[in-house]
Amino acid sequence: MSWEQREGGGRYYTRSHREGGRIVREYVGTGPIAELVALQDEAERKRREEEARVWREEREDLDALDAQARELDDLAELLAHAALLAAGYRRHNRGEWRKPRERSG
């Protein structure tokens, strides 16, 4: 989206958009109508940038919470392993926890 000026002519407003993988420039016009369209396009661009910023911040917050949840999960698993070992259990094949058989004798 830009204002352009050609030699011997006045200013005119164009905007670009994508059609089927190609960038196409659209002539909007000159004068007050072009000014209004340019203001609307600028407001829409600012709205999209603000929305993207909000989503980016939300994603960063969620990533931080996810990292904390993974750390808490790792600590809980470590605590569970320690409790099982303290209770006399041992890891068996395929990671199963089993209590050793009592030996008579």
N, C-alpha and C. Protein backbone atom coordinates (compact mmCIF):
# COMPACT_ATOMS: atom_id res chain seq x y z
N MET A 1 0.84 -1.16 0.00
CA MET A 1 0.00 0.00 0.00
C MET A 1 0.89 1.23 0.00
N SER A 2 0.69 2.04 -1.03
CA SER A 2 1.57 3.21 -1.07
C SER A 2 0.98 4.30 -1.96
N TRP A 3 1.46 5.46 -1.67
CA TRP A 3 1.16 6.61 -2.51
C TRP A 3 2.28 6.72 -3.52
N GLU A 4 1.94 6.95 -4.77
CA GLU A 4 2.95 7.08 -5.81
C GLU A 4 2.72 8.37 -6.57
N GLN A 5 3.80 8.82 -7.17
CA GLN A 5 3.70 10.03 -7.97
C GLN A 5 4.52 9.81 -9.23
N ARG A 6 3.90 10.01 -10.35
CA ARG A 6 4.59 9.88 -11.63
C ARG A 6 4.92 11.26 -12.16
N GLU A 7 5.90 11.30 -13.05
CA GLU A 7 6.27 12.59 -13.64
C GLU A 7 5.08 13.17 -14.38
N GLY A 8 4.82 14.43 -14.12
CA GLY A 8 3.74 15.12 -14.82
C GLY A 8 2.36 14.78 -14.30
N GLY A 9 2.27 13.97 -13.27
CA GLY A 9 0.97 13.60 -12.74
C GLY A 9 0.88 13.83 -11.26
N GLY A 10 -0.29 13.66 -10.74
CA GLY A 10 -0.48 13.82 -9.30
C GLY A 10 -0.22 12.53 -8.55
N ARG A 11 -0.47 12.61 -7.28
CA ARG A 11 -0.31 11.41 -6.44
C ARG A 11 -1.51 10.49 -6.61
N TYR A 12 -1.23 9.19 -6.56
CA TYR A 12 -2.32 8.21 -6.57
C TYR A 12 -1.97 7.08 -5.63
N TYR A 13 -3.00 6.42 -5.17
CA TYR A 13 -2.85 5.38 -4.15
C TYR A 13 -3.01 4.01 -4.81
N THR A 14 -2.09 3.11 -4.49
CA THR A 14 -2.19 1.71 -4.94
C THR A 14 -2.03 0.82 -3.73
N ARG A 15 -2.51 -0.39 -3.86
CA ARG A 15 -2.26 -1.40 -2.84
C ARG A 15 -2.01 -2.73 -3.53
N SER A 16 -1.28 -3.58 -2.87
CA SER A 16 -0.91 -4.88 -3.43
C SER A 16 -1.57 -5.98 -2.64
N HIS A 17 -1.91 -7.05 -3.35
CA HIS A 17 -2.45 -8.24 -2.69
C HIS A 17 -2.05 -9.46 -3.50
N ARG A 18 -2.20 -10.61 -2.90
CA ARG A 18 -1.77 -11.86 -3.52
C ARG A 18 -2.97 -12.53 -4.18
N GLU A 19 -2.76 -12.95 -5.42
CA GLU A 19 -3.77 -13.71 -6.16
C GLU A 19 -3.08 -14.93 -6.77
N GLY A 20 -3.46 -16.09 -6.30
CA GLY A 20 -2.90 -17.31 -6.87
C GLY A 20 -1.39 -17.37 -6.85
N GLY A 21 -0.79 -16.90 -5.77
CA GLY A 21 0.66 -16.97 -5.64
C GLY A 21 1.39 -15.80 -6.27
N ARG A 22 0.68 -14.91 -6.95
CA ARG A 22 1.30 -13.73 -7.55
C ARG A 22 0.89 -12.48 -6.79
N ILE A 23 1.77 -11.50 -6.79
CA ILE A 23 1.45 -10.21 -6.18
C ILE A 23 0.85 -9.33 -7.27
N VAL A 24 -0.33 -8.81 -6.98
CA VAL A 24 -1.04 -7.96 -7.95
C VAL A 24 -1.22 -6.58 -7.33
N ARG A 25 -0.87 -5.54 -8.08
CA ARG A 25 -1.07 -4.17 -7.62
C ARG A 25 -2.41 -3.66 -8.11
N GLU A 26 -3.12 -3.07 -7.20
CA GLU A 26 -4.46 -2.56 -7.50
C GLU A 26 -4.43 -1.03 -7.44
N TYR A 27 -4.86 -0.39 -8.49
CA TYR A 27 -4.96 1.06 -8.51
C TYR A 27 -6.22 1.44 -7.77
N VAL A 28 -6.11 2.31 -6.77
CA VAL A 28 -7.27 2.73 -5.99
C VAL A 28 -7.77 4.07 -6.48
N GLY A 29 -6.88 5.04 -6.64
CA GLY A 29 -7.31 6.33 -7.16
C GLY A 29 -6.58 7.49 -6.54
N THR A 30 -7.16 8.67 -6.72
CA THR A 30 -6.59 9.90 -6.20
C THR A 30 -7.66 10.64 -5.42
N GLY A 31 -7.25 11.70 -4.76
CA GLY A 31 -8.21 12.56 -4.11
C GLY A 31 -8.72 12.03 -2.79
N PRO A 32 -9.87 12.59 -2.34
CA PRO A 32 -10.39 12.26 -1.02
C PRO A 32 -10.77 10.78 -0.84
N ILE A 33 -11.27 10.16 -1.88
CA ILE A 33 -11.63 8.74 -1.76
C ILE A 33 -10.38 7.90 -1.53
N ALA A 34 -9.33 8.19 -2.27
CA ALA A 34 -8.07 7.46 -2.08
C ALA A 34 -7.51 7.73 -0.69
N GLU A 35 -7.63 8.96 -0.20
CA GLU A 35 -7.18 9.28 1.16
C GLU A 35 -7.93 8.44 2.18
N LEU A 36 -9.23 8.33 2.01
CA LEU A 36 -10.06 7.54 2.92
C LEU A 36 -9.68 6.07 2.89
N VAL A 37 -9.50 5.52 1.68
CA VAL A 37 -9.11 4.12 1.55
C VAL A 37 -7.73 3.89 2.18
N ALA A 38 -6.81 4.85 1.99
CA ALA A 38 -5.47 4.72 2.58
C ALA A 38 -5.56 4.71 4.10
N LEU A 39 -6.42 5.56 4.67
CA LEU A 39 -6.60 5.57 6.12
C LEU A 39 -7.20 4.26 6.62
N GLN A 40 -8.16 3.73 5.89
CA GLN A 40 -8.76 2.45 6.28
C GLN A 40 -7.73 1.32 6.21
N ASP A 41 -6.93 1.32 5.14
CA ASP A 41 -5.89 0.29 5.02
C ASP A 41 -4.88 0.39 6.15
N GLU A 42 -4.50 1.62 6.51
CA GLU A 42 -3.55 1.81 7.62
C GLU A 42 -4.14 1.33 8.94
N ALA A 43 -5.41 1.63 9.18
CA ALA A 43 -6.07 1.19 10.41
C ALA A 43 -6.14 -0.34 10.46
N GLU A 44 -6.44 -0.96 9.33
CA GLU A 44 -6.51 -2.43 9.26
C GLU A 44 -5.13 -3.04 9.51
N ARG A 45 -4.08 -2.43 8.93
CA ARG A 45 -2.72 -2.94 9.13
C ARG A 45 -2.34 -2.84 10.61
N LYS A 46 -2.66 -1.73 11.25
CA LYS A 46 -2.36 -1.57 12.68
C LYS A 46 -3.14 -2.57 13.52
N ARG A 47 -4.39 -2.82 13.15
CA ARG A 47 -5.21 -3.80 13.89
C ARG A 47 -4.59 -5.19 13.79
N ARG A 48 -4.16 -5.57 12.57
CA ARG A 48 -3.53 -6.89 12.38
C ARG A 48 -2.22 -6.99 13.15
N GLU A 49 -1.42 -5.92 13.15
CA GLU A 49 -0.16 -5.94 13.91
C GLU A 49 -0.42 -6.09 15.40
N GLU A 50 -1.42 -5.39 15.91
CA GLU A 50 -1.76 -5.49 17.33
C GLU A 50 -2.24 -6.90 17.67
N GLU A 51 -3.07 -7.45 16.81
CA GLU A 51 -3.57 -8.80 17.02
C GLU A 51 -2.42 -9.80 17.02
N ALA A 52 -1.47 -9.64 16.10
CA ALA A 52 -0.31 -10.53 16.03
C ALA A 52 0.53 -10.40 17.30
N ARG A 53 0.69 -9.16 17.80
CA ARG A 53 1.46 -8.94 19.02
C ARG A 53 0.81 -9.64 20.21
N VAL A 54 -0.52 -9.53 20.30
CA VAL A 54 -1.25 -10.16 21.41
C VAL A 54 -1.09 -11.68 21.33
N TRP A 55 -1.24 -12.24 20.12
CA TRP A 55 -1.08 -13.69 19.96
C TRP A 55 0.34 -14.13 20.29
N ARG A 56 1.33 -13.34 19.89
CA ARG A 56 2.73 -13.68 20.17
C ARG A 56 2.98 -13.69 21.67
N GLU A 57 2.47 -12.68 22.38
CA GLU A 57 2.63 -12.63 23.83
C GLU A 57 1.91 -13.79 24.51
N GLU A 58 0.72 -14.12 24.02
CA GLU A 58 -0.03 -15.25 24.57
C GLU A 58 0.76 -16.55 24.38
N ARG A 59 1.34 -16.71 23.19
CA ARG A 59 2.13 -17.91 22.90
C ARG A 59 3.35 -17.99 23.81
N GLU A 60 4.01 -16.86 24.04
CA GLU A 60 5.18 -16.84 24.93
C GLU A 60 4.78 -17.22 26.35
N ASP A 61 3.64 -16.71 26.81
CA ASP A 61 3.15 -17.05 28.15
C ASP A 61 2.85 -18.54 28.25
N LEU A 62 2.20 -19.09 27.22
CA LEU A 62 1.87 -20.52 27.23
C LEU A 62 3.13 -21.38 27.17
N ASP A 63 4.12 -20.95 26.39
CA ASP A 63 5.38 -21.70 26.33
C ASP A 63 6.07 -21.72 27.68
N ALA A 64 6.03 -20.58 28.41
CA ALA A 64 6.64 -20.53 29.74
C ALA A 64 5.90 -21.46 30.70
N LEU A 65 4.56 -21.46 30.64
CA LEU A 65 3.79 -22.36 31.50
C LEU A 65 4.05 -23.82 31.15
N ASP A 66 4.19 -24.10 29.86
CA ASP A 66 4.47 -25.46 29.43
C ASP A 66 5.82 -25.94 29.96
N ALA A 67 6.81 -25.07 29.92
CA ALA A 67 8.14 -25.42 30.45
C ALA A 67 8.06 -25.70 31.95
N GLN A 68 7.29 -24.89 32.67
CA GLN A 68 7.13 -25.12 34.11
C GLN A 68 6.41 -26.44 34.37
N ALA A 69 5.40 -26.75 33.57
CA ALA A 69 4.66 -28.01 33.75
C ALA A 69 5.57 -29.21 33.47
N ARG A 70 6.42 -29.11 32.43
CA ARG A 70 7.35 -30.21 32.14
C ARG A 70 8.34 -30.41 33.29
N GLU A 71 8.83 -29.30 33.85
CA GLU A 71 9.75 -29.39 34.98
C GLU A 71 9.07 -30.02 36.19
N LEU A 72 7.82 -29.63 36.47
CA LEU A 72 7.07 -30.20 37.58
C LEU A 72 6.82 -31.70 37.35
N ASP A 73 6.53 -32.07 36.11
CA ASP A 73 6.32 -33.49 35.78
C ASP A 73 7.60 -34.30 36.01
N ASP A 74 8.74 -33.74 35.60
CA ASP A 74 10.02 -34.43 35.82
C ASP A 74 10.30 -34.60 37.31
N LEU A 75 10.03 -33.56 38.09
CA LEU A 75 10.26 -33.65 39.54
C LEU A 75 9.31 -34.65 40.20
N ALA A 76 8.05 -34.70 39.76
CA ALA A 76 7.09 -35.65 40.32
C ALA A 76 7.50 -37.08 39.99
N GLU A 77 7.99 -37.29 38.79
CA GLU A 77 8.45 -38.63 38.41
C GLU A 77 9.66 -39.04 39.24
N LEU A 78 10.59 -38.12 39.46
CA LEU A 78 11.76 -38.40 40.29
C LEU A 78 11.34 -38.73 41.72
N LEU A 79 10.39 -37.99 42.27
CA LEU A 79 9.89 -38.23 43.61
C LEU A 79 9.20 -39.60 43.70
N ALA A 80 8.42 -39.96 42.69
CA ALA A 80 7.75 -41.26 42.68
C ALA A 80 8.78 -42.39 42.63
N HIS A 81 9.81 -42.23 41.82
CA HIS A 81 10.87 -43.26 41.75
C HIS A 81 11.56 -43.41 43.10
N ALA A 82 11.86 -42.30 43.74
CA ALA A 82 12.52 -42.34 45.04
C ALA A 82 11.63 -43.03 46.08
N ALA A 83 10.33 -42.73 46.05
CA ALA A 83 9.40 -43.36 47.01
C ALA A 83 9.31 -44.86 46.76
N LEU A 84 9.27 -45.28 45.50
CA LEU A 84 9.21 -46.71 45.19
C LEU A 84 10.49 -47.42 45.63
N LEU A 85 11.62 -46.80 45.37
CA LEU A 85 12.89 -47.41 45.81
C LEU A 85 12.95 -47.51 47.32
N ALA A 86 12.51 -46.47 48.00
CA ALA A 86 12.52 -46.48 49.47
C ALA A 86 11.57 -47.54 50.03
N ALA A 87 10.53 -47.87 49.30
CA ALA A 87 9.57 -48.88 49.75
C ALA A 87 10.02 -50.29 49.39
N GLY A 88 11.18 -50.41 48.75
CA GLY A 88 11.71 -51.73 48.45
C GLY A 88 11.42 -52.22 47.04
N TYR A 89 10.82 -51.42 46.20
CA TYR A 89 10.54 -51.83 44.83
C TYR A 89 11.78 -51.64 43.96
N ARG A 90 11.84 -52.45 42.89
CA ARG A 90 12.93 -52.37 41.93
C ARG A 90 12.33 -52.35 40.52
N ARG A 91 13.09 -51.77 39.62
CA ARG A 91 12.65 -51.77 38.21
C ARG A 91 12.88 -53.14 37.62
N HIS A 92 11.87 -53.63 36.94
CA HIS A 92 11.94 -54.92 36.28
C HIS A 92 12.01 -54.67 34.77
N ASN A 93 11.93 -55.73 34.00
CA ASN A 93 11.93 -55.61 32.53
C ASN A 93 10.85 -54.64 32.08
N ARG A 94 11.12 -53.94 31.04
CA ARG A 94 10.18 -52.98 30.42
C ARG A 94 9.78 -51.86 31.38
N GLY A 95 10.59 -51.61 32.38
CA GLY A 95 10.36 -50.49 33.27
C GLY A 95 9.30 -50.69 34.33
N GLU A 96 8.82 -51.92 34.51
CA GLU A 96 7.80 -52.17 35.53
C GLU A 96 8.45 -52.14 36.91
N TRP A 97 7.70 -51.65 37.88
CA TRP A 97 8.18 -51.64 39.26
C TRP A 97 7.60 -52.85 39.97
N ARG A 98 8.50 -53.63 40.60
CA ARG A 98 8.06 -54.82 41.33
C ARG A 98 8.79 -54.89 42.66
N LYS A 99 8.06 -55.45 43.61
CA LYS A 99 8.68 -55.67 44.90
C LYS A 99 9.35 -57.05 44.85
N PRO A 100 10.59 -57.13 45.33
CA PRO A 100 11.27 -58.43 45.29
C PRO A 100 10.52 -59.45 46.14
N ARG A 101 10.63 -60.70 45.72
CA ARG A 101 10.00 -61.80 46.48
C ARG A 101 10.71 -61.96 47.81
N GLU A 102 9.91 -62.29 48.80
CA GLU A 102 10.49 -62.59 50.10
C GLU A 102 11.18 -63.94 50.00
N ARG A 103 12.39 -64.03 50.46
CA ARG A 103 13.11 -65.30 50.41
C ARG A 103 12.94 -66.01 51.72
N SER A 104 12.52 -67.24 51.63
CA SER A 104 12.39 -68.01 52.86
C SER A 104 13.69 -68.78 53.10
N GLY A 105 14.01 -68.88 54.27
CA GLY A 105 15.19 -69.68 54.46
C GLY A 105 16.05 -69.36 55.51
